[in-house]
Protein backbone atom coordinates (compact mmCIF):
# COMPACT_ATOMS: atom_id res chain seq x y z
CA MET A 1 -69.38 -90.10 11.35
CA GLY A 2 -67.48 -88.83 14.30
CA LYS A 3 -65.70 -85.78 15.44
CA THR A 4 -63.93 -83.33 13.18
CA GLU A 5 -60.18 -83.68 12.85
CA ASP A 6 -59.59 -81.32 15.77
CA ASN A 7 -62.26 -83.10 17.91
CA LYS A 8 -64.29 -79.97 18.68
CA ILE A 9 -67.71 -81.15 17.53
CA ASP A 10 -69.37 -84.51 17.05
CA GLU A 11 -71.42 -84.27 13.86
CA LYS A 12 -74.28 -86.39 15.21
CA ASP A 13 -74.98 -83.64 17.75
CA LEU A 14 -75.85 -81.29 14.87
CA VAL A 15 -78.48 -83.56 13.29
CA GLY A 16 -82.00 -82.37 14.06
CA LYS A 17 -80.98 -78.75 14.62
CA GLN A 18 -82.05 -75.79 12.51
CA LEU A 19 -79.39 -75.10 9.89
CA LYS A 20 -78.65 -71.63 11.29
CA GLU A 21 -78.14 -73.08 14.77
CA ALA A 22 -75.81 -75.83 13.49
CA GLU A 23 -73.83 -73.27 11.48
CA ALA A 24 -73.56 -71.00 14.54
CA ILE A 25 -72.25 -73.86 16.69
CA CYS A 26 -69.64 -74.65 14.07
CA ALA A 27 -68.67 -70.99 13.61
CA ALA A 28 -68.18 -70.61 17.37
CA ASN A 29 -65.70 -73.48 17.13
CA ASN A 30 -63.98 -72.11 14.00
CA ILE A 31 -65.26 -74.98 11.84
CA VAL A 32 -66.10 -74.37 8.18
CA THR A 33 -69.41 -75.78 6.97
CA ARG A 34 -71.22 -76.22 3.69
CA VAL A 35 -74.61 -77.49 2.62
CA ARG A 36 -74.25 -80.36 0.15
CA THR A 37 -77.91 -81.35 -0.18
CA LEU A 38 -80.87 -79.00 0.22
CA ASP A 39 -84.41 -80.36 0.19
CA GLY A 40 -83.32 -83.43 -1.78
CA GLU A 41 -81.29 -81.52 -4.37
CA GLY A 42 -77.52 -81.96 -4.57
CA LEU A 43 -75.65 -78.65 -4.57
CA ILE A 44 -72.53 -77.82 -6.51
CA GLY A 45 -69.34 -78.12 -4.48
CA THR A 46 -65.69 -78.93 -4.78
CA ALA A 47 -64.52 -82.53 -4.65
CA ASP A 48 -61.74 -81.83 -2.17
CA LEU A 49 -61.73 -83.66 1.14
CA ASP A 50 -61.21 -81.45 4.20
CA PRO A 51 -61.36 -83.41 7.46
CA SER A 52 -61.87 -80.18 9.40
CA ARG A 53 -65.03 -79.18 7.46
CA ILE A 54 -68.57 -80.34 8.20
CA ASN A 55 -71.01 -80.94 5.34
CA PHE A 56 -74.77 -80.81 5.86
CA SER A 57 -77.81 -82.34 4.24
CA VAL A 58 -80.83 -80.16 5.01
CA GLU A 59 -84.57 -80.75 4.65
CA LYS A 60 -86.97 -77.86 5.33
CA GLY A 61 -84.31 -76.00 7.31
CA ILE A 62 -83.40 -78.96 9.54
CA VAL A 63 -80.02 -80.74 9.40
CA THR A 64 -80.74 -84.37 8.50
CA GLU A 65 -77.12 -85.44 8.03
CA ALA A 66 -73.77 -84.02 9.06
CA TYR A 67 -70.40 -85.46 8.09
CA THR A 68 -66.78 -84.41 7.78
CA GLY A 69 -65.31 -83.68 4.42
């Protein structure tokens, strides 16, 4: 984990936030996000690696993991 390629956000600062809040923070910094795991279920997504995108794992509306990709 670390900052996105353009160093605007450190992913660890998003962990523990409500998903909508984390998404709003990213949107304000022009960072694309996607939820990869929702309540323990893996979601369908592309296999491309985008170092400027932040992926989330979410449990009961709370971000439990955030990572670039």
